Every structure is written in C-alpha cells, then in structure tokens.
Amino acid sequence: MNEDFYQTLKDILRDEQILIEEPLAKHTTFQIGGPAEFLLLPENNHQVAALVKVLCEKNMPFYVIGNGSNLLVSDKGYKGTIIKIGQCMSNIVVREYDGSRYLVQAGSGVLLSKLANKIAEHELTGFEFASGIPGSLGGAVTMNAGAYGGEIKDSIMGATVVDQSGSMMYLNKEDLKLGYRKSIIQEKNYIVLDASFVFEPGNKDDIRNKMDDLNERRRDKQPLEYPSAGSTFKRPEGYFAGKLIMDAGLRGYQVGNAQISEKHCGFVINKGGATAADIMTLITEVRQIVFDKFGVMLEPEVRLLGEF
C-alpha cells in the first residue's frame, strides 16, 4: 500500500471512507471483478473535487463509478483508485420553480428508481420511464439513459460536474450535448456531481399506473433474477441487438457461467460464478457470429475496466 497516498487521503476523508484492496465484485451489478487498490466513498461534491485534484496532481490512475450497473471489471481488478459516488451523495430536493412547474435537484449517487419514486410522490410527471433502470443518476446523465420512449434529456435543466483538474462547473442542458447514449461529459471525462430537472404536475394515479406498467413489462421481459449489466449492446441503426442475436440462434448461448439470456437475448447474464473472461469471450463470439450472419457489428454498451 502507498502510505504517503493513504495519509493524503486521510486529509480529505475519514478512515471508514477509504477501503483498501476492495473486491469490485461487491460494487457492480454483474457481481464480477477483482480488487481496486483503493476504493473511496466521498460524501459531498467538495470531497469528490478534492480527490480528483489530488489524484491528477499525483498522476495516479482513477475511475469513477456509481451503482456499477454498466460495467465489467477485469478478474485482475483495477490497478488504481476507484471513487464511488453512492448513497452518501443521494440527496433529493423538490421545490416550486415557476408557479406551474417544479424543480428537482438530486445528488449523482441516487438510484434512478428512488428518484423516480420521489418525483411520483410529489405527483410530478415525466420521469416514469426511469423507475426501473438499474443505475444511479450520475451514470444516467453521462449516458443520457433512456427507456420506453423517455430519456434524461427530456427533462434535465443542467448538471454540476467536476473536470479532470478538480474544478467544478455547472453545465446547462445545451452545454451537456445529450444524444443517444452520449454527452459532453463522456467527451471531456467530466464527473457528474448533481443534476437538476423540471417537471409538471400530473395525475397521481396515472403516474403510478404508468410506473407499475413499465416495471411489470421489465420484469416480464428482462432477466432481473440474474446479475447483469443491463442491456449489453447498443442498438445498431435500423436493427435491434436482441433480435439479431436471437435470429443468429444464440438464445441461451453460454461460455463458462456467462450466458445470453433465454428471456431477452440483448442481455448477457452471470448464471453464478461467471468470470470477466467468460463475459468477454461470450461478447466477442456473439459479435463475430452476428456479423458473419447479418453483416452488422454489434457495439458493446458495457464499459470495460482493468486489464483484459
């Protein structure tokens, strides 16, 4: 362990916010991944900015995660520092905005399901689509997450981010340049600290019924009973990844304990004890088979971390 770095961290965080050689399998929805040298649990925007500044000054590798829902970590782990923006940064504030609409501000560590439920409690409409997405707000803004006809960009006003030098700034909706699964945040390697949205009041029963319907559809169609990283591949233009995989005869295709879900072919699942190597081999083989059959090269939506 780097004792000098550890002492520097203690100037910013308490002991319980600093985890050493922490298995990342505990922090990803795939439940896969070796240890990180350090895993840090900041509690506010200023701690995140201070950590980024120190890591950059010392030229030390680091990576920021939220709920770990779109991430495959190497079996060897990560030779660097993980900053986890989680439940410690999940505050939600709802207040009147302009007489008819309401402003919702939330920390980037809040789970989308929790945020959607809080918005629904205030009888506001426009965020129902996110109630079943298994991620946190920071990643959702970074990726412009979407489902069932809704996207983050539909209601966002702006976000507070920190750049790679540790400087905080606020970006409005136009500045964020949100597109299909992309944003300026990805291009510039910014880190989302919090975000603000504007919603209009709706009918409480309609909002709840829509959320219940979407969540039921998700349960019926997606393999939620197994660890996964959500949808494994991006939607290729003019096609659906899951249908291409199904039409290629790959439903249930398995490498080790990694499998193409029999319930939804767009998902790679961990059937229990799968390794990152199993997942990567499966993804590679599926991409090649689909390309050979249909001439379409699937692009993984899952991010890779560590040595593969």
Protein backbone atom coordinates (compact mmCIF):
# COMPACT_ATOMS: atom_id res chain seq x y z
CA MET A 1 0.00 0.00 0.00
CA ASN A 2 1.14 3.54 -0.79
CA GLU A 3 1.41 5.01 2.74
CA ASP A 4 2.04 8.58 1.58
CA PHE A 5 -1.05 8.50 -0.62
CA TYR A 6 -3.07 6.98 2.21
CA GLN A 7 -2.10 9.85 4.51
CA THR A 8 -3.06 12.35 1.79
CA LEU A 9 -6.47 10.68 1.52
CA LYS A 10 -6.95 10.97 5.29
CA ASP A 11 -6.67 14.74 4.92
CA ILE A 12 -9.86 14.59 2.81
CA LEU A 13 -11.78 11.54 4.04
CA ARG A 14 -12.40 9.64 7.28
CA ASP A 15 -10.94 6.14 7.72
CA GLU A 16 -14.27 4.45 7.00
CA GLN A 17 -14.47 6.22 3.64
CA ILE A 18 -11.21 4.59 2.49
CA LEU A 19 -11.29 0.90 1.51
CA ILE A 20 -8.08 -0.93 0.60
CA GLU A 21 -7.92 -3.86 -1.87
CA GLU A 22 -11.70 -3.87 -2.03
CA PRO A 23 -13.23 -6.52 -4.38
CA LEU A 24 -15.13 -4.69 -7.10
CA ALA A 25 -17.47 -7.65 -7.47
CA LYS A 26 -19.22 -6.12 -4.42
CA HIS A 27 -19.79 -2.88 -6.33
CA THR A 28 -21.02 -3.98 -9.79
CA THR A 29 -24.37 -5.39 -10.86
CA PHE A 30 -22.55 -8.15 -12.77
CA GLN A 31 -21.10 -9.16 -9.35
CA ILE A 32 -17.78 -9.67 -11.12
CA GLY A 33 -14.37 -8.05 -10.68
CA GLY A 34 -11.12 -8.23 -8.77
CA PRO A 35 -9.86 -5.70 -6.20
CA ALA A 36 -9.09 -2.00 -6.51
CA GLU A 37 -6.01 -0.68 -4.74
CA PHE A 38 -8.21 1.96 -3.10
CA LEU A 39 -11.97 2.44 -3.17
CA LEU A 40 -13.09 5.83 -1.86
CA LEU A 41 -16.56 6.83 -0.66
CA PRO A 42 -16.91 10.63 -0.75
CA GLU A 43 -19.92 12.26 0.92
CA ASN A 44 -20.18 15.57 -0.93
CA ASN A 45 -19.19 17.47 -4.07
CA HIS A 46 -16.20 19.15 -2.42
CA GLN A 47 -14.69 15.83 -1.35
CA VAL A 48 -15.01 14.49 -4.91
CA ALA A 49 -13.36 17.61 -6.35
CA ALA A 50 -10.54 17.43 -3.78
CA LEU A 51 -9.91 13.75 -4.54
CA VAL A 52 -9.81 14.33 -8.30
CA LYS A 53 -7.40 17.23 -7.81
CA VAL A 54 -5.04 15.13 -5.68
CA LEU A 55 -5.16 12.13 -8.00
CA CYS A 56 -4.42 14.29 -11.02
CA GLU A 57 -1.59 16.15 -9.28
CA LYS A 58 0.00 12.83 -8.33
CA ASN A 59 -0.67 11.44 -11.84
CA MET A 60 -2.40 8.40 -10.36
CA PRO A 61 -4.96 6.37 -12.33
CA PHE A 62 -8.54 6.55 -11.10
CA TYR A 63 -12.05 5.71 -12.24
CA VAL A 64 -15.44 6.90 -11.02
CA ILE A 65 -18.36 4.52 -10.55
CA GLY A 66 -21.92 4.82 -9.30
CA ASN A 67 -24.09 1.74 -8.96
CA GLY A 68 -21.73 -0.22 -11.23
CA SER A 69 -24.63 -1.18 -13.47
CA ASN A 70 -22.98 -0.73 -16.88
CA LEU A 71 -19.54 -2.02 -16.02
CA LEU A 72 -17.43 -5.14 -16.49
CA VAL A 73 -14.35 -5.21 -14.26
CA SER A 74 -11.38 -7.45 -15.03
CA ASP A 75 -10.82 -10.53 -12.89
CA LYS A 76 -7.46 -8.97 -12.05
CA GLY A 77 -9.20 -5.88 -10.65
CA TYR A 78 -8.09 -2.32 -11.18
CA LYS A 79 -4.58 -1.02 -10.54
CA GLY A 80 -5.63 2.37 -9.31
CA THR A 81 -8.22 4.22 -7.25
CA ILE A 82 -11.98 3.91 -7.56
CA ILE A 83 -14.13 6.85 -6.48
CA LYS A 84 -17.61 5.51 -5.75
CA ILE A 85 -20.36 8.11 -5.78
CA GLY A 86 -23.11 6.25 -3.99
CA GLN A 87 -25.76 6.56 -1.33
CA CYS A 88 -23.74 9.17 0.59
CA MET A 89 -24.46 11.55 -2.30
CA SER A 90 -28.11 10.79 -2.97
CA ASN A 91 -29.99 13.77 -1.54
CA ILE A 92 -33.16 14.94 -3.34
CA VAL A 93 -34.75 18.42 -3.08
CA VAL A 94 -38.11 19.29 -4.66
CA ARG A 95 -39.37 22.88 -4.77
CA GLU A 96 -41.60 25.17 -6.79
CA TYR A 97 -39.92 26.61 -9.88
CA ASP A 98 -42.14 29.00 -11.83
CA GLY A 99 -45.64 28.72 -10.46
CA SER A 100 -46.75 25.77 -12.56
CA ARG A 101 -43.63 23.60 -12.66
CA TYR A 102 -41.32 22.10 -10.04
CA LEU A 103 -37.53 21.92 -9.79
CA VAL A 104 -35.98 18.64 -8.65
CA GLN A 105 -32.31 18.63 -7.65
CA ALA A 106 -30.55 15.38 -6.82
CA GLY A 107 -27.08 14.07 -5.99
CA SER A 108 -25.50 11.87 -8.63
CA GLY A 109 -25.34 8.86 -6.31
CA VAL A 110 -29.11 8.49 -6.04
CA LEU A 111 -30.61 5.40 -7.66
CA LEU A 112 -32.92 6.22 -10.55
CA SER A 113 -35.64 4.06 -9.01
CA LYS A 114 -35.51 6.07 -5.78
CA LEU A 115 -35.52 9.38 -7.67
CA ALA A 116 -38.46 8.30 -9.84
CA ASN A 117 -40.45 7.30 -6.77
CA LYS A 118 -39.71 10.60 -5.01
CA ILE A 119 -40.83 12.54 -8.10
CA ALA A 120 -44.00 10.43 -8.23
CA GLU A 121 -44.68 11.11 -4.52
CA HIS A 122 -44.82 14.81 -5.40
CA GLU A 123 -47.29 13.98 -8.20
CA LEU A 124 -44.93 15.15 -10.95
CA THR A 125 -44.83 13.50 -14.36
CA GLY A 126 -42.03 12.96 -16.88
CA PHE A 127 -39.65 10.59 -15.10
CA GLU A 128 -41.72 7.41 -15.02
CA PHE A 129 -39.53 5.81 -17.70
CA ALA A 130 -36.55 5.73 -15.34
CA SER A 131 -38.20 3.89 -12.46
CA GLY A 132 -36.79 0.52 -13.44
CA ILE A 133 -33.39 1.47 -14.84
CA PRO A 134 -30.81 -0.21 -12.55
CA GLY A 135 -28.34 2.66 -12.26
CA SER A 136 -27.60 5.89 -10.46
CA LEU A 137 -28.15 9.43 -11.65
CA GLY A 138 -24.53 10.28 -12.46
CA GLY A 139 -24.19 7.46 -14.97
CA ALA A 140 -27.67 8.15 -16.34
CA VAL A 141 -26.80 11.78 -17.12
CA THR A 142 -23.40 10.78 -18.55
CA MET A 143 -25.02 8.23 -20.88
CA ASN A 144 -28.31 10.11 -21.41
CA ALA A 145 -30.05 6.97 -20.20
CA GLY A 146 -33.41 6.15 -21.67
CA ALA A 147 -36.15 3.53 -21.80
CA TYR A 148 -39.70 3.12 -23.06
CA GLY A 149 -39.70 6.37 -25.03
CA GLY A 150 -38.15 8.62 -22.37
CA GLU A 151 -34.62 9.98 -21.95
CA ILE A 152 -32.76 12.05 -19.37
CA LYS A 153 -32.52 14.93 -21.86
CA ASP A 154 -36.32 15.28 -21.92
CA SER A 155 -36.49 16.97 -18.50
CA ILE A 156 -32.96 17.89 -17.39
CA MET A 157 -32.07 21.54 -16.79
CA GLY A 158 -28.39 21.10 -16.10
CA ALA A 159 -25.73 19.38 -14.03
CA THR A 160 -22.82 20.22 -11.75
CA VAL A 161 -19.67 18.46 -12.91
CA VAL A 162 -16.00 18.34 -11.98
CA ASP A 163 -13.28 18.26 -14.62
CA GLN A 164 -10.01 16.33 -14.57
CA SER A 165 -8.23 19.14 -12.72
CA GLY A 166 -10.74 19.11 -9.85
CA SER A 167 -12.58 22.29 -10.91
CA MET A 168 -16.36 22.33 -10.50
CA MET A 169 -18.70 23.92 -13.03
CA TYR A 170 -22.39 23.97 -13.92
CA LEU A 171 -23.46 22.93 -17.42
CA ASN A 172 -26.93 23.76 -18.69
CA LYS A 173 -28.92 21.42 -20.93
CA GLU A 174 -27.42 22.82 -24.15
CA ASP A 175 -23.89 22.58 -22.73
CA LEU A 176 -24.39 18.89 -21.93
CA LYS A 177 -24.87 18.00 -25.64
CA LEU A 178 -27.01 14.99 -24.83
CA GLY A 179 -27.56 12.48 -27.65
CA TYR A 180 -28.22 8.76 -27.97
CA ARG A 181 -26.15 7.28 -25.13
CA LYS A 182 -23.67 10.14 -25.27
CA SER A 183 -22.89 13.59 -23.84
CA ILE A 184 -20.14 16.19 -23.49
CA ILE A 185 -19.43 14.54 -20.12
CA GLN A 186 -18.09 11.47 -21.90
CA GLU A 187 -16.10 13.52 -24.40
CA LYS A 188 -14.40 15.63 -21.71
CA ASN A 189 -14.18 12.96 -18.98
CA TYR A 190 -16.21 15.11 -16.62
CA ILE A 191 -17.73 13.64 -13.45
CA VAL A 192 -21.35 14.38 -12.61
CA LEU A 193 -21.91 15.59 -9.03
CA ASP A 194 -25.60 16.51 -9.14
CA ALA A 195 -28.32 17.36 -11.63
CA SER A 196 -31.47 19.44 -11.77
CA PHE A 197 -34.74 18.74 -13.61
CA VAL A 198 -38.03 20.49 -14.22
CA PHE A 199 -41.36 18.63 -14.14
CA GLU A 200 -45.01 19.48 -14.46
CA PRO A 201 -47.71 18.19 -12.08
CA GLY A 202 -49.63 15.13 -13.26
CA ASN A 203 -52.36 12.82 -12.08
CA LYS A 204 -51.07 10.72 -9.17
CA ASP A 205 -52.90 7.55 -10.26
CA ASP A 206 -51.80 7.92 -13.88
CA ILE A 207 -48.18 8.34 -12.82
CA ARG A 208 -48.26 5.28 -10.55
CA ASN A 209 -50.10 3.17 -13.12
CA LYS A 210 -47.53 4.04 -15.78
CA MET A 211 -44.63 3.18 -13.47
CA ASP A 212 -46.28 -0.10 -12.43
CA ASP A 213 -46.92 -0.98 -16.07
CA LEU A 214 -43.35 -0.25 -17.17
CA ASN A 215 -41.89 -2.17 -14.23
CA GLU A 216 -44.14 -5.14 -14.93
CA ARG A 217 -43.08 -5.13 -18.59
CA ARG A 218 -39.45 -5.00 -17.47
CA ARG A 219 -39.91 -7.92 -15.08
CA ASP A 220 -41.67 -9.96 -17.77
CA LYS A 221 -39.11 -9.32 -20.49
CA GLN A 222 -35.77 -8.89 -18.71
CA PRO A 223 -33.73 -11.45 -16.71
CA LEU A 224 -33.79 -9.48 -13.45
CA GLU A 225 -33.29 -12.67 -11.44
CA TYR A 226 -29.65 -12.87 -12.58
CA PRO A 227 -26.73 -10.45 -12.19
CA SER A 228 -26.13 -8.49 -15.40
CA ALA A 229 -25.00 -5.08 -16.60
CA GLY A 230 -28.34 -4.32 -18.22
CA SER A 231 -28.54 -4.18 -22.00
CA THR A 232 -25.18 -5.46 -23.24
CA PHE A 233 -25.09 -3.94 -26.73
CA LYS A 234 -26.02 -0.58 -28.18
CA ARG A 235 -28.92 -0.53 -30.63
CA PRO A 236 -27.45 -0.68 -34.16
CA GLU A 237 -29.08 1.72 -36.59
CA GLY A 238 -32.07 0.08 -38.23
CA TYR A 239 -31.94 -3.04 -36.03
CA PHE A 240 -32.45 -4.35 -32.52
CA ALA A 241 -29.44 -6.06 -30.95
CA GLY A 242 -31.52 -8.64 -29.09
CA LYS A 243 -33.39 -9.70 -32.24
CA LEU A 244 -30.17 -10.03 -34.25
CA ILE A 245 -28.71 -12.25 -31.53
CA MET A 246 -31.90 -14.33 -31.33
CA ASP A 247 -32.11 -14.67 -35.13
CA ALA A 248 -28.49 -15.85 -35.13
CA GLY A 249 -29.61 -18.79 -32.99
CA LEU A 250 -27.76 -17.60 -29.90
CA ARG A 251 -30.55 -17.65 -27.29
CA GLY A 252 -29.05 -19.41 -24.25
CA TYR A 253 -25.54 -19.46 -25.79
CA GLN A 254 -23.07 -19.94 -22.96
CA VAL A 255 -19.37 -19.56 -22.19
CA GLY A 256 -18.46 -20.83 -18.73
CA ASN A 257 -21.14 -19.39 -16.46
CA ALA A 258 -21.84 -16.40 -18.73
CA GLN A 259 -24.95 -16.77 -20.87
CA ILE A 260 -27.06 -14.96 -23.45
CA SER A 261 -30.32 -14.72 -21.53
CA GLU A 262 -33.06 -17.04 -22.72
CA LYS A 263 -35.56 -14.42 -21.59
CA HIS A 264 -34.06 -11.49 -23.53
CA CYS A 265 -31.21 -12.02 -25.99
CA GLY A 266 -29.96 -8.45 -25.52
CA PHE A 267 -28.71 -9.36 -22.04
CA VAL A 268 -25.59 -11.25 -21.02
CA ILE A 269 -26.13 -12.71 -17.54
CA ASN A 270 -23.94 -14.14 -14.80
CA LYS A 271 -25.51 -17.52 -14.01
CA GLY A 272 -23.35 -17.78 -10.89
CA GLY A 273 -19.59 -17.63 -10.63
CA ALA A 274 -19.00 -16.26 -14.12
CA THR A 275 -15.67 -14.55 -14.62
CA ALA A 276 -14.97 -11.38 -16.55
CA ALA A 277 -13.07 -13.56 -19.01
CA ASP A 278 -16.24 -15.65 -19.56
CA ILE A 279 -18.27 -12.49 -20.26
CA MET A 280 -15.67 -11.06 -22.64
CA THR A 281 -15.31 -14.32 -24.58
CA LEU A 282 -19.09 -14.57 -24.90
CA ILE A 283 -19.42 -10.96 -26.11
CA THR A 284 -16.60 -11.45 -28.64
CA GLU A 285 -18.07 -14.66 -30.03
CA VAL A 286 -21.60 -13.23 -30.26
CA ARG A 287 -20.36 -10.14 -32.12
CA GLN A 288 -18.49 -12.30 -34.64
CA ILE A 289 -21.38 -14.71 -35.23
CA VAL A 290 -23.89 -11.86 -35.71
CA PHE A 291 -21.50 -10.11 -38.10
CA ASP A 292 -20.92 -13.28 -40.11
CA LYS A 293 -24.67 -13.89 -40.45
CA PHE A 294 -26.01 -10.37 -40.92
CA GLY A 295 -23.08 -8.05 -41.64
CA VAL A 296 -23.82 -5.97 -38.54
CA MET A 297 -21.06 -5.42 -35.97
CA LEU A 298 -22.65 -5.00 -32.54
CA GLU A 299 -21.09 -2.35 -30.32
CA PRO A 300 -20.94 -3.17 -26.60
CA GLU A 301 -22.73 -0.75 -24.32
CA VAL A 302 -20.96 -2.19 -21.27
CA ARG A 303 -17.79 -0.36 -20.23
CA LEU A 304 -14.61 -2.29 -19.51
CA LEU A 305 -12.34 -1.57 -16.55
CA GLY A 306 -8.97 -3.11 -15.87
CA GLU A 307 -6.76 -5.48 -17.85
CA PHE A 308 -8.41 -7.82 -20.37
